[in-house]
C-alpha atoms as a PDB file:
ATOM      1  CA  MET A   1     -17.405  13.521 -20.188  1.00  0.00           C
ATOM      2  CA  THR A   2     -15.618  13.409 -16.839  1.00  0.00           C
ATOM      3  CA  ILE A   3     -12.676  11.124 -16.097  1.00  0.00           C
ATOM      4  CA  LEU A   4     -10.997  10.850 -12.701  1.00  0.00           C
ATOM      5  CA  VAL A   5      -7.370   9.700 -12.610  1.00  0.00           C
ATOM      6  CA  THR A   6      -6.018   8.396  -9.306  1.00  0.00           C
ATOM      7  CA  GLY A   7      -2.300   7.993  -8.666  1.00  0.00           C
ATOM      8  CA  SER A   8      -2.065  11.100 -10.817  1.00  0.00           C
ATOM      9  CA  THR A   9       1.402  12.320  -9.806  1.00  0.00           C
ATOM     10  CA  GLY A  10       3.154   8.955 -10.072  1.00  0.00           C
ATOM     11  CA  VAL A  11       4.950   7.328 -12.984  1.00  0.00           C
ATOM     12  CA  ILE A  12       1.833   5.743 -14.486  1.00  0.00           C
ATOM     13  CA  GLY A  13      -0.668   8.464 -13.607  1.00  0.00           C
ATOM     14  CA  THR A  14       1.541  11.037 -15.306  1.00  0.00           C
ATOM     15  CA  GLN A  15       1.565   8.936 -18.467  1.00  0.00           C
ATOM     16  CA  VAL A  16      -2.210   8.498 -18.396  1.00  0.00           C
ATOM     17  CA  LEU A  17      -2.761  12.246 -18.089  1.00  0.00           C
ATOM     18  CA  ASP A  18      -0.295  12.923 -20.894  1.00  0.00           C
ATOM     19  CA  HIS A  19      -2.221  10.600 -23.214  1.00  0.00           C
ATOM     20  CA  LEU A  20      -5.576  12.117 -22.219  1.00  0.00           C
ATOM     21  CA  LYS A  21      -4.599  15.782 -22.428  1.00  0.00           C
ATOM     22  CA  ASP A  22      -5.824  16.487 -25.974  1.00  0.00           C
ATOM     23  CA  SER A  23      -8.820  14.160 -25.927  1.00  0.00           C
ATOM     24  CA  GLY A  24     -11.493  16.755 -25.240  1.00  0.00           C
ATOM     25  CA  ALA A  25     -12.595  14.953 -22.078  1.00  0.00           C
ATOM     26  CA  ASP A  26     -13.031  16.681 -18.743  1.00  0.00           C
ATOM     27  CA  VAL A  27     -10.085  15.168 -16.872  1.00  0.00           C
ATOM     28  CA  ARG A  28      -9.660  15.441 -13.121  1.00  0.00           C
ATOM     29  CA  ALA A  29      -6.612  14.315 -11.181  1.00  0.00           C
ATOM     30  CA  LEU A  30      -6.867  13.173  -7.575  1.00  0.00           C
ATOM     31  CA  THR A  31      -3.928  14.379  -5.497  1.00  0.00           C
ATOM     32  CA  ARG A  32      -3.299  15.043  -1.829  1.00  0.00           C
ATOM     33  CA  SER A  33      -1.372  18.247  -2.683  1.00  0.00           C
ATOM     34  CA  PRO A  34      -3.023  20.175  -5.561  1.00  0.00           C
ATOM     35  CA  GLU A  35      -0.880  23.221  -4.808  1.00  0.00           C
ATOM     36  CA  ARG A  36       2.298  21.289  -5.669  1.00  0.00           C
ATOM     37  CA  ALA A  37       0.986  19.247  -8.587  1.00  0.00           C
ATOM     38  CA  SER A  38       1.930  20.124 -12.159  1.00  0.00           C
ATOM     39  CA  PHE A  39      -0.631  18.779 -14.609  1.00  0.00           C
ATOM     40  CA  PRO A  40      -1.160  19.283 -18.366  1.00  0.00           C
ATOM     41  CA  ALA A  41      -3.315  22.210 -19.397  1.00  0.00           C
ATOM     42  CA  GLY A  42      -6.997  21.460 -18.956  1.00  0.00           C
ATOM     43  CA  VAL A  43      -6.545  18.880 -16.204  1.00  0.00           C
ATOM     44  CA  THR A  44      -8.306  19.863 -12.967  1.00  0.00           C
ATOM     45  CA  ALA A  45      -6.598  18.979  -9.694  1.00  0.00           C
ATOM     46  CA  VAL A  46      -8.924  17.496  -7.053  1.00  0.00           C
ATOM     47  CA  LYS A  47      -7.735  17.332  -3.454  1.00  0.00           C
ATOM     48  CA  GLY A  48      -7.999  13.925  -1.842  1.00  0.00           C
ATOM     49  CA  GLU A  49      -6.657  10.387  -1.682  1.00  0.00           C
ATOM     50  CA  LEU A  50      -8.083   6.883  -1.801  1.00  0.00           C
ATOM     51  CA  GLY A  51      -8.038   6.447   1.967  1.00  0.00           C
ATOM     52  CA  GLU A  52     -10.329   9.459   2.565  1.00  0.00           C
ATOM     53  CA  ILE A  53     -13.775   7.904   2.260  1.00  0.00           C
ATOM     54  CA  GLY A  54     -15.864  11.067   2.663  1.00  0.00           C
ATOM     55  CA  THR A  55     -13.822  13.039   0.154  1.00  0.00           C
ATOM     56  CA  LEU A  56     -13.845  10.155  -2.297  1.00  0.00           C
ATOM     57  CA  ARG A  57     -17.621   9.855  -2.084  1.00  0.00           C
ATOM     58  CA  GLU A  58     -18.053  13.551  -2.897  1.00  0.00           C
ATOM     59  CA  THR A  59     -15.553  13.375  -5.745  1.00  0.00           C
ATOM     60  CA  MET A  60     -17.190  10.318  -7.338  1.00  0.00           C
ATOM     61  CA  LYS A  61     -20.595  12.004  -7.546  1.00  0.00           C
ATOM     62  CA  ASP A  62     -19.536  13.913 -10.653  1.00  0.00           C
ATOM     63  CA  ILE A  63     -17.422  11.210 -12.302  1.00  0.00           C
ATOM     64  CA  ASP A  64     -18.361   9.107 -15.333  1.00  0.00           C
ATOM     65  CA  THR A  65     -15.175   7.051 -15.742  1.00  0.00           C
ATOM     66  CA  LEU A  66     -12.449   6.127 -13.250  1.00  0.00           C
ATOM     67  CA  PHE A  67      -8.799   5.200 -13.640  1.00  0.00           C
ATOM     68  CA  LEU A  68      -8.040   3.279 -10.458  1.00  0.00           C
ATOM     69  CA  LEU A  69      -4.417   2.896  -9.427  1.00  0.00           C
ATOM     70  CA  ALA A  70      -3.959   1.883  -5.803  1.00  0.00           C
ATOM     71  CA  PRO A  71      -0.615   2.870  -4.263  1.00  0.00           C
ATOM     72  CA  ASN A  72       2.056   0.481  -3.003  1.00  0.00           C
ATOM     73  CA  ALA A  73       0.892   0.794   0.587  1.00  0.00           C
ATOM     74  CA  ALA A  74       0.368  -1.587   3.476  1.00  0.00           C
ATOM     75  CA  ASP A  75      -3.401  -1.126   3.067  1.00  0.00           C
ATOM     76  CA  GLU A  76      -3.446  -1.210  -0.742  1.00  0.00           C
ATOM     77  CA  LEU A  77      -6.141  -3.873  -0.870  1.00  0.00           C
ATOM     78  CA  THR A  78      -8.471  -2.012   1.488  1.00  0.00           C
ATOM     79  CA  GLN A  79      -8.049   1.245  -0.428  1.00  0.00           C
ATOM     80  CA  ALA A  80      -8.691  -0.380  -3.787  1.00  0.00           C
ATOM     81  CA  LEU A  81     -11.750  -2.350  -2.663  1.00  0.00           C
ATOM     82  CA  GLN A  82     -13.287   0.684  -0.972  1.00  0.00           C
ATOM     83  CA  ALA A  83     -12.653   2.928  -3.974  1.00  0.00           C
ATOM     84  CA  THR A  84     -14.231   0.338  -6.269  1.00  0.00           C
ATOM     85  CA  SER A  85     -17.295   0.074  -4.029  1.00  0.00           C
ATOM     86  CA  ILE A  86     -17.670   3.860  -3.867  1.00  0.00           C
ATOM     87  CA  ALA A  87     -17.454   4.065  -7.663  1.00  0.00           C
ATOM     88  CA  ARG A  88     -20.166   1.409  -7.955  1.00  0.00           C
ATOM     89  CA  GLU A  89     -22.408   3.225  -5.450  1.00  0.00           C
ATOM     90  CA  ALA A  90     -21.926   6.501  -7.341  1.00  0.00           C
ATOM     91  CA  GLY A  91     -22.967   4.910 -10.631  1.00  0.00           C
ATOM     92  CA  VAL A  92     -19.640   5.379 -12.386  1.00  0.00           C
ATOM     93  CA  LYS A  93     -20.225   3.839 -15.820  1.00  0.00           C
ATOM     94  CA  GLY A  94     -16.677   2.671 -16.487  1.00  0.00           C
ATOM     95  CA  ILE A  95     -13.559   1.692 -14.530  1.00  0.00           C
ATOM     96  CA  VAL A  96     -10.051   1.055 -15.790  1.00  0.00           C
ATOM     97  CA  TYR A  97      -8.183  -0.810 -13.071  1.00  0.00           C
ATOM     98  CA  LEU A  98      -4.405  -1.192 -13.011  1.00  0.00           C
ATOM     99  CA  SER A  99      -3.675  -4.725 -11.832  1.00  0.00           C
ATOM    100  CA  VAL A 100      -0.493  -6.755 -12.459  1.00  0.00           C
ATOM    101  CA  PHE A 101       0.734  -9.432 -14.879  1.00  0.00           C
ATOM    102  CA  LYS A 102       0.683 -12.938 -13.320  1.00  0.00           C
ATOM    103  CA  GLY A 103      -1.331 -11.720 -10.333  1.00  0.00           C
ATOM    104  CA  ASP A 104      -3.401 -14.890 -10.406  1.00  0.00           C
ATOM    105  CA  VAL A 105      -0.405 -17.233 -10.045  1.00  0.00           C
ATOM    106  CA  TYR A 106       2.123 -15.281  -7.942  1.00  0.00           C
ATOM    107  CA  THR A 107      -0.024 -15.928  -4.882  1.00  0.00           C
ATOM    108  CA  ASP A 108       2.829 -15.531  -2.386  1.00  0.00           C
ATOM    109  CA  VAL A 109       3.629 -11.962  -3.529  1.00  0.00           C
ATOM    110  CA  PRO A 110       1.433  -9.635  -1.420  1.00  0.00           C
ATOM    111  CA  HIS A 111       0.811  -6.854  -3.929  1.00  0.00           C
ATOM    112  CA  PHE A 112       0.096  -9.381  -6.710  1.00  0.00           C
ATOM    113  CA  THR A 113      -2.508 -11.205  -4.625  1.00  0.00           C
ATOM    114  CA  SER A 114      -3.970  -7.868  -3.516  1.00  0.00           C
ATOM    115  CA  LYS A 115      -4.565  -6.772  -7.100  1.00  0.00           C
ATOM    116  CA  HIS A 116      -5.981 -10.145  -8.097  1.00  0.00           C
ATOM    117  CA  THR A 117      -8.456  -9.904  -5.206  1.00  0.00           C
ATOM    118  CA  VAL A 118      -9.725  -6.605  -6.623  1.00  0.00           C
ATOM    119  CA  GLU A 119     -10.100  -8.336  -9.994  1.00  0.00           C
ATOM    120  CA  ARG A 120     -12.228 -10.989  -8.293  1.00  0.00           C
ATOM    121  CA  MET A 121     -14.477  -8.310  -6.810  1.00  0.00           C
ATOM    122  CA  ILE A 122     -14.866  -6.646 -10.205  1.00  0.00           C
ATOM    123  CA  GLY A 123     -15.865  -9.971 -11.703  1.00  0.00           C
ATOM    124  CA  GLN A 124     -18.253 -11.077  -8.963  1.00  0.00           C
ATOM    125  CA  CYS A 125     -19.951  -7.668  -8.864  1.00  0.00           C
ATOM    126  CA  ASP A 126     -20.127  -7.614 -12.674  1.00  0.00           C
ATOM    127  CA  LEU A 127     -18.663  -4.119 -12.876  1.00  0.00           C
ATOM    128  CA  PRO A 128     -18.143  -2.403 -16.250  1.00  0.00           C
ATOM    129  CA  ALA A 129     -14.366  -2.401 -16.121  1.00  0.00           C
ATOM    130  CA  THR A 130     -11.202  -2.907 -18.099  1.00  0.00           C
ATOM    131  CA  ILE A 131      -8.458  -4.694 -16.192  1.00  0.00           C
ATOM    132  CA  LEU A 132      -4.930  -3.820 -17.277  1.00  0.00           C
ATOM    133  CA  ARG A 133      -2.177  -6.162 -16.118  1.00  0.00           C
ATOM    134  CA  PRO A 134       1.258  -4.594 -16.612  1.00  0.00           C
ATOM    135  CA  ALA A 135       4.467  -6.573 -16.355  1.00  0.00           C
ATOM    136  CA  TYR A 136       7.631  -5.218 -14.717  1.00  0.00           C
ATOM    137  CA  PHE A 137       8.232  -1.639 -15.893  1.00  0.00           C
ATOM    138  CA  MET A 138      11.230  -1.030 -18.168  1.00  0.00           C
ATOM    139  CA  GLN A 139      11.628   2.396 -16.599  1.00  0.00           C
ATOM    140  CA  ASN A 140      12.357   0.818 -13.218  1.00  0.00           C
ATOM    141  CA  ASP A 141      15.810   0.149 -14.648  1.00  0.00           C
ATOM    142  CA  ILE A 142      16.590   3.858 -14.894  1.00  0.00           C
ATOM    143  CA  ARG A 143      17.490   3.530 -11.211  1.00  0.00           C
ATOM    144  CA  LEU A 144      20.381   1.296 -12.297  1.00  0.00           C
ATOM    145  CA  LYS A 145      22.011   4.152 -14.212  1.00  0.00           C
ATOM    146  CA  ASP A 146      25.008   4.703 -11.922  1.00  0.00           C
ATOM    147  CA  ALA A 147      25.840   1.001 -11.691  1.00  0.00           C
ATOM    148  CA  LEU A 148      25.616   0.638 -15.462  1.00  0.00           C
ATOM    149  CA  LEU A 149      27.639   3.748 -16.306  1.00  0.00           C
ATOM    150  CA  HIS A 150      30.260   3.672 -13.564  1.00  0.00           C
ATOM    151  CA  HIS A 151      30.623  -0.015 -12.724  1.00  0.00           C
ATOM    152  CA  GLY A 152      29.417  -1.804 -15.837  1.00  0.00           C
ATOM    153  CA  VAL A 153      26.900  -3.829 -13.840  1.00  0.00           C
ATOM    154  CA  TYR A 154      23.227  -4.564 -14.447  1.00  0.00           C
ATOM    155  CA  GLY A 155      22.058  -4.974 -10.876  1.00  0.00           C
ATOM    156  CA  MET A 156      18.447  -6.164 -10.996  1.00  0.00           C
ATOM    157  CA  PRO A 157      18.372  -9.912 -10.162  1.00  0.00           C
ATOM    158  CA  ILE A 158      15.870 -10.947 -12.845  1.00  0.00           C
ATOM    159  CA  GLY A 159      17.282 -14.443 -13.401  1.00  0.00           C
ATOM    160  CA  ALA A 160      17.254 -16.628 -16.499  1.00  0.00           C
ATOM    161  CA  LYS A 161      13.579 -17.545 -17.039  1.00  0.00           C
ATOM    162  CA  GLY A 162      12.539 -14.347 -18.825  1.00  0.00           C
ATOM    163  CA  ILE A 163      10.343 -11.302 -18.151  1.00  0.00           C
ATOM    164  CA  SER A 164       8.223  -9.506 -20.769  1.00  0.00           C
ATOM    165  CA  MET A 165       8.925  -5.998 -19.427  1.00  0.00           C
ATOM    166  CA  VAL A 166       6.615  -3.175 -20.514  1.00  0.00           C
ATOM    167  CA  ASP A 167       7.308   0.461 -21.311  1.00  0.00           C
ATOM    168  CA  VAL A 168       5.306   2.811 -19.060  1.00  0.00           C
ATOM    169  CA  ARG A 169       4.368   4.894 -22.097  1.00  0.00           C
ATOM    170  CA  ASP A 170       2.470   1.885 -23.435  1.00  0.00           C
ATOM    171  CA  ILE A 171       0.661   1.563 -20.102  1.00  0.00           C
ATOM    172  CA  GLY A 172      -0.447   5.188 -20.276  1.00  0.00           C
ATOM    173  CA  ASP A 173      -1.510   4.808 -23.896  1.00  0.00           C
ATOM    174  CA  ALA A 174      -3.519   1.644 -23.231  1.00  0.00           C
ATOM    175  CA  ALA A 175      -5.214   3.137 -20.168  1.00  0.00           C
ATOM    176  CA  ALA A 176      -6.159   6.337 -21.992  1.00  0.00           C
ATOM    177  CA  ARG A 177      -7.628   4.411 -24.921  1.00  0.00           C
ATOM    178  CA  GLU A 178      -9.811   2.313 -22.638  1.00  0.00           C
ATOM    179  CA  LEU A 179     -10.850   5.280 -20.514  1.00  0.00           C
ATOM    180  CA  LEU A 180     -11.961   7.202 -23.582  1.00  0.00           C
ATOM    181  CA  ARG A 181     -13.724   4.194 -25.117  1.00  0.00           C
ATOM    182  CA  ARG A 182     -15.763   3.737 -21.961  1.00  0.00           C
ATOM    183  CA  GLU A 183     -16.249   7.474 -21.456  1.00  0.00           C
ATOM    184  CA  ARG A 184     -17.597   7.995 -24.992  1.00  0.00           C
ATOM    185  CA  SER A 185     -20.045   5.108 -24.816  1.00  0.00           C
ATOM    186  CA  ASP A 186     -23.671   5.914 -24.109  1.00  0.00           C
ATOM    187  CA  ALA A 187     -23.963   2.892 -21.822  1.00  0.00           C
ATOM    188  CA  PRO A 188     -21.671   0.790 -19.633  1.00  0.00           C
ATOM    189  CA  LEU A 189     -19.562  -1.637 -21.660  1.00  0.00           C
ATOM    190  CA  PRO A 190     -18.744  -5.286 -20.899  1.00  0.00           C
ATOM    191  CA  ARG A 191     -15.591  -6.209 -18.999  1.00  0.00           C
ATOM    192  CA  GLU A 192     -12.288  -6.502 -20.823  1.00  0.00           C
ATOM    193  CA  SER A 193      -8.765  -7.394 -19.782  1.00  0.00           C
ATOM    194  CA  TYR A 194      -5.341  -6.877 -21.340  1.00  0.00           C
ATOM    195  CA  GLU A 195      -1.874  -8.051 -20.416  1.00  0.00           C
ATOM    196  CA  LEU A 196       0.435  -5.022 -20.755  1.00  0.00           C
ATOM    197  CA  VAL A 197       3.698  -6.577 -21.833  1.00  0.00           C
ATOM    198  CA  GLY A 198       6.707  -6.100 -24.050  1.00  0.00           C
ATOM    199  CA  PRO A 199       7.528  -8.207 -27.119  1.00  0.00           C
ATOM    200  CA  ASP A 200      10.656  -9.870 -25.679  1.00  0.00           C
ATOM    201  CA  ALA A 201      11.378 -12.387 -22.907  1.00  0.00           C
ATOM    202  CA  LEU A 202      14.268 -10.611 -21.194  1.00  0.00           C
ATOM    203  CA  THR A 203      16.819 -12.629 -19.217  1.00  0.00           C
ATOM    204  CA  ALA A 204      20.001 -11.711 -17.379  1.00  0.00           C
ATOM    205  CA  ASP A 205      22.026 -12.641 -20.468  1.00  0.00           C
ATOM    206  CA  SER A 206      19.887 -10.872 -23.049  1.00  0.00           C
ATOM    207  CA  ILE A 207      19.462  -7.695 -21.034  1.00  0.00           C
ATOM    208  CA  THR A 208      23.177  -7.310 -20.352  1.00  0.00           C
ATOM    209  CA  ALA A 209      23.794  -7.790 -24.082  1.00  0.00           C
ATOM    210  CA  ILE A 210      21.286  -5.017 -24.842  1.00  0.00           C
ATOM    211  CA  TRP A 211      23.008  -2.621 -22.432  1.00  0.00           C
ATOM    212  CA  ARG A 212      26.407  -3.617 -23.818  1.00  0.00           C
ATOM    213  CA  ASP A 213      25.258  -2.503 -27.271  1.00  0.00           C
ATOM    214  CA  ALA A 214      23.525   0.646 -26.009  1.00  0.00           C
ATOM    215  CA  LEU A 215      26.418   1.890 -23.870  1.00  0.00           C
ATOM    216  CA  GLN A 216      29.258   0.500 -26.003  1.00  0.00           C
ATOM    217  CA  ARG A 217      31.026  -0.940 -23.001  1.00  0.00           C
ATOM    218  CA  GLU A 218      31.290  -4.254 -21.174  1.00  0.00           C
ATOM    219  CA  ILE A 219      28.298  -4.951 -18.923  1.00  0.00           C
ATOM    220  CA  HIS A 220      28.109  -7.777 -16.401  1.00  0.00           C
ATOM    221  CA  TYR A 221      25.117  -9.234 -14.568  1.00  0.00           C
ATOM    222  CA  GLY A 222      25.137  -8.535 -10.842  1.00  0.00           C
ATOM    223  CA  GLY A 223      23.803 -11.975  -9.944  1.00  0.00           C
ATOM    224  CA  ASP A 224      20.697 -13.466  -8.360  1.00  0.00           C
ATOM    225  CA  ASP A 225      21.398 -12.388  -4.767  1.00  0.00           C
ATOM    226  CA  LEU A 226      18.016 -11.612  -3.208  1.00  0.00           C
ATOM    227  CA  ASP A 227      19.497 -10.801   0.201  1.00  0.00           C
ATOM    228  CA  ALA A 228      21.397  -7.928  -1.385  1.00  0.00           C
ATOM    229  CA  LEU A 229      18.268  -6.723  -3.195  1.00  0.00           C
ATOM    230  CA  GLU A 230      16.202  -6.707  -0.014  1.00  0.00           C
ATOM    231  CA  ALA A 231      18.912  -4.899   1.949  1.00  0.00           C
ATOM    232  CA  ARG A 232      19.234  -2.263  -0.771  1.00  0.00           C
ATOM    233  CA  MET A 233      15.488  -1.683  -0.894  1.00  0.00           C
ATOM    234  CA  LYS A 234      15.215  -1.458   2.898  1.00  0.00           C
ATOM    235  CA  GLY A 235      17.571   1.482   2.669  1.00  0.00           C
ATOM    236  CA  ALA A 236      15.155   3.295   0.390  1.00  0.00           C
ATOM    237  CA  GLY A 237      11.748   2.357   1.780  1.00  0.00           C
ATOM    238  CA  PRO A 238       9.739   0.395   4.351  1.00  0.00           C
ATOM    239  CA  GLU A 239      10.766  -3.115   5.349  1.00  0.00           C
ATOM    240  CA  TRP A 240       7.460  -4.698   4.274  1.00  0.00           C
ATOM    241  CA  LEU A 241       7.848  -3.301   0.757  1.00  0.00           C
ATOM    242  CA  ALA A 242      11.437  -4.513   0.481  1.00  0.00           C
ATOM    243  CA  TYR A 243      10.297  -8.025   1.377  1.00  0.00           C
ATOM    244  CA  ASP A 244       7.384  -7.813  -1.066  1.00  0.00           C
ATOM    245  CA  MET A 245       9.817  -6.903  -3.861  1.00  0.00           C
ATOM    246  CA  ARG A 246      12.107  -9.757  -2.843  1.00  0.00           C
ATOM    247  CA  LEU A 247       9.241 -12.233  -3.134  1.00  0.00           C
ATOM    248  CA  MET A 248       8.346 -10.862  -6.560  1.00  0.00           C
ATOM    249  CA  MET A 249      11.906 -11.173  -7.833  1.00  0.00           C
ATOM    250  CA  GLN A 250      12.146 -14.658  -6.361  1.00  0.00           C
ATOM    251  CA  ARG A 251       9.168 -15.723  -8.496  1.00  0.00           C
ATOM    252  CA  TYR A 252      10.724 -14.089 -11.550  1.00  0.00           C
ATOM    253  CA  GLN A 253      13.835 -16.186 -10.965  1.00  0.00           C
ATOM    254  CA  GLN A 254      11.884 -19.392 -10.343  1.00  0.00           C
ATOM    255  CA  ASP A 255       9.114 -19.134 -12.922  1.00  0.00           C
ATOM    256  CA  GLY A 256       9.662 -16.104 -15.127  1.00  0.00           C
ATOM    257  CA  ALA A 257       6.886 -13.839 -16.416  1.00  0.00           C
ATOM    258  CA  VAL A 258       6.800 -14.340 -20.161  1.00  0.00           C
ATOM    259  CA  ALA A 259       3.835 -13.210 -22.243  1.00  0.00           C
ATOM    260  CA  SER A 260       2.301 -15.432 -24.886  1.00  0.00           C
ATOM    261  CA  SER A 261       2.210 -14.413 -28.530  1.00  0.00           C
ATOM    262  CA  GLU A 262      -1.569 -14.095 -28.203  1.00  0.00           C
ATOM    263  CA  GLU A 263      -1.208 -11.638 -25.305  1.00  0.00           C
ATOM    264  CA  VAL A 264       1.265  -9.518 -27.263  1.00  0.00           C
ATOM    265  CA  ALA A 265      -1.038  -9.573 -30.294  1.00  0.00           C
ATOM    266  CA  ARG A 266      -4.036  -8.472 -28.216  1.00  0.00           C
ATOM    267  CA  LEU A 267      -2.091  -5.518 -26.799  1.00  0.00           C
ATOM    268  CA  THR A 268      -0.899  -4.652 -30.305  1.00  0.00           C
ATOM    269  CA  SER A 269      -4.533  -4.512 -31.407  1.00  0.00           C
ATOM    270  CA  LEU A 270      -5.422  -2.143 -28.551  1.00  0.00           C
ATOM    271  CA  LEU A 271      -2.460   0.176 -29.159  1.00  0.00           C
ATOM    272  CA  GLY A 272      -2.713   0.081 -32.956  1.00  0.00           C
ATOM    273  CA  ARG A 273       1.017  -0.710 -33.076  1.00  0.00           C
ATOM    274  CA  PRO A 274       3.457  -3.199 -31.522  1.00  0.00           C
ATOM    275  CA  PRO A 275       4.439  -2.568 -27.891  1.00  0.00           C
ATOM    276  CA  ARG A 276       7.816  -0.926 -27.405  1.00  0.00           C
ATOM    277  CA  ALA A 277      10.907  -3.120 -27.093  1.00  0.00           C
ATOM    278  CA  TYR A 278      13.452  -2.963 -24.261  1.00  0.00           C
ATOM    279  CA  ARG A 279      16.252  -2.467 -26.794  1.00  0.00           C
ATOM    280  CA  ASP A 280      14.684   0.835 -27.868  1.00  0.00           C
ATOM    281  CA  PHE A 281      14.236   1.914 -24.242  1.00  0.00           C
ATOM    282  CA  ALA A 282      17.896   1.172 -23.498  1.00  0.00           C
ATOM    283  CA  ALA A 283      19.102   3.018 -26.610  1.00  0.00           C
ATOM    284  CA  ASP A 284      16.974   6.064 -25.740  1.00  0.00           C
ATOM    285  CA  SER A 285      18.247   6.027 -22.152  1.00  0.00           C
ATOM    286  CA  ALA A 286      21.875   5.787 -23.261  1.00  0.00           C
ATOM    287  CA  ARG A 287      21.476   8.769 -25.581  1.00  0.00           C
ATOM    288  CA  GLU A 288      19.810  10.808 -22.835  1.00  0.00           C
ATOM    289  CA  TRP A 289      22.508   9.929 -20.274  1.00  0.00           C
ATOM    290  CA  LYS A 290      25.210  11.155 -22.639  1.00  0.00           C
ATOM    291  CA  THR A 291      23.701  14.629 -22.630  1.00  0.00           C
ATOM    292  CA  GLN A 292      23.442  14.900 -18.843  1.00  0.00           C
END
């Protein structure tokens, strides 16, 4: 049993490896810098990245099941489509692809449309894959720590329509379960898809109330200013990515990204428990921040 995890050193890849570490599977982690990577015991570091076609072809020869996470890069779509084709050519019997919630309707958001295009390829090529569609990550809000603690401001402009944010630990758990299900099967399994979402539709009002309770102080919403968001993100990364994130947040404000009760129930069935709530994430974060 050999599973390859791409995006292995990032937020999600780390969670996937953590949930696979005691499974008994032969787990390999693709990384451009094996000498700097710190993986759980038993995980084998493999040097390479999705853009290196020759290396990826060699790596896929010994792989049974693939966790495919394409990076937020200008050529994300190309990397993901090529990696999927190489996996198909190598006879990989199962793929777990990390897509995005609402990718089929947020057509003006580049990384959403990119991921949905990969889904279309998986469907048209009839690949044995599980498509996981995570909503906005709760843990993204850890970056708002200083504003929350020192200024009493929740600064992510999520608007009033509602977002069913997901805990990254649930993403890792769901991915590991599907990887192992496909890995342990004697034959390729039919396609499946899951929306990876939280149980609550979080709005500017409800999320500030949650942080008010968690931190025991007054918390205000920073507003819906997308110009400010884009400027802030340009200071931390490339301009194209800042604009991509602006477009995503604009759709959150206009349309929201709320999961249906059926989607939450389906994820609950996969996990064997309800998905984690934002209130619990905020309470855990507040306790951790007090000790730092």
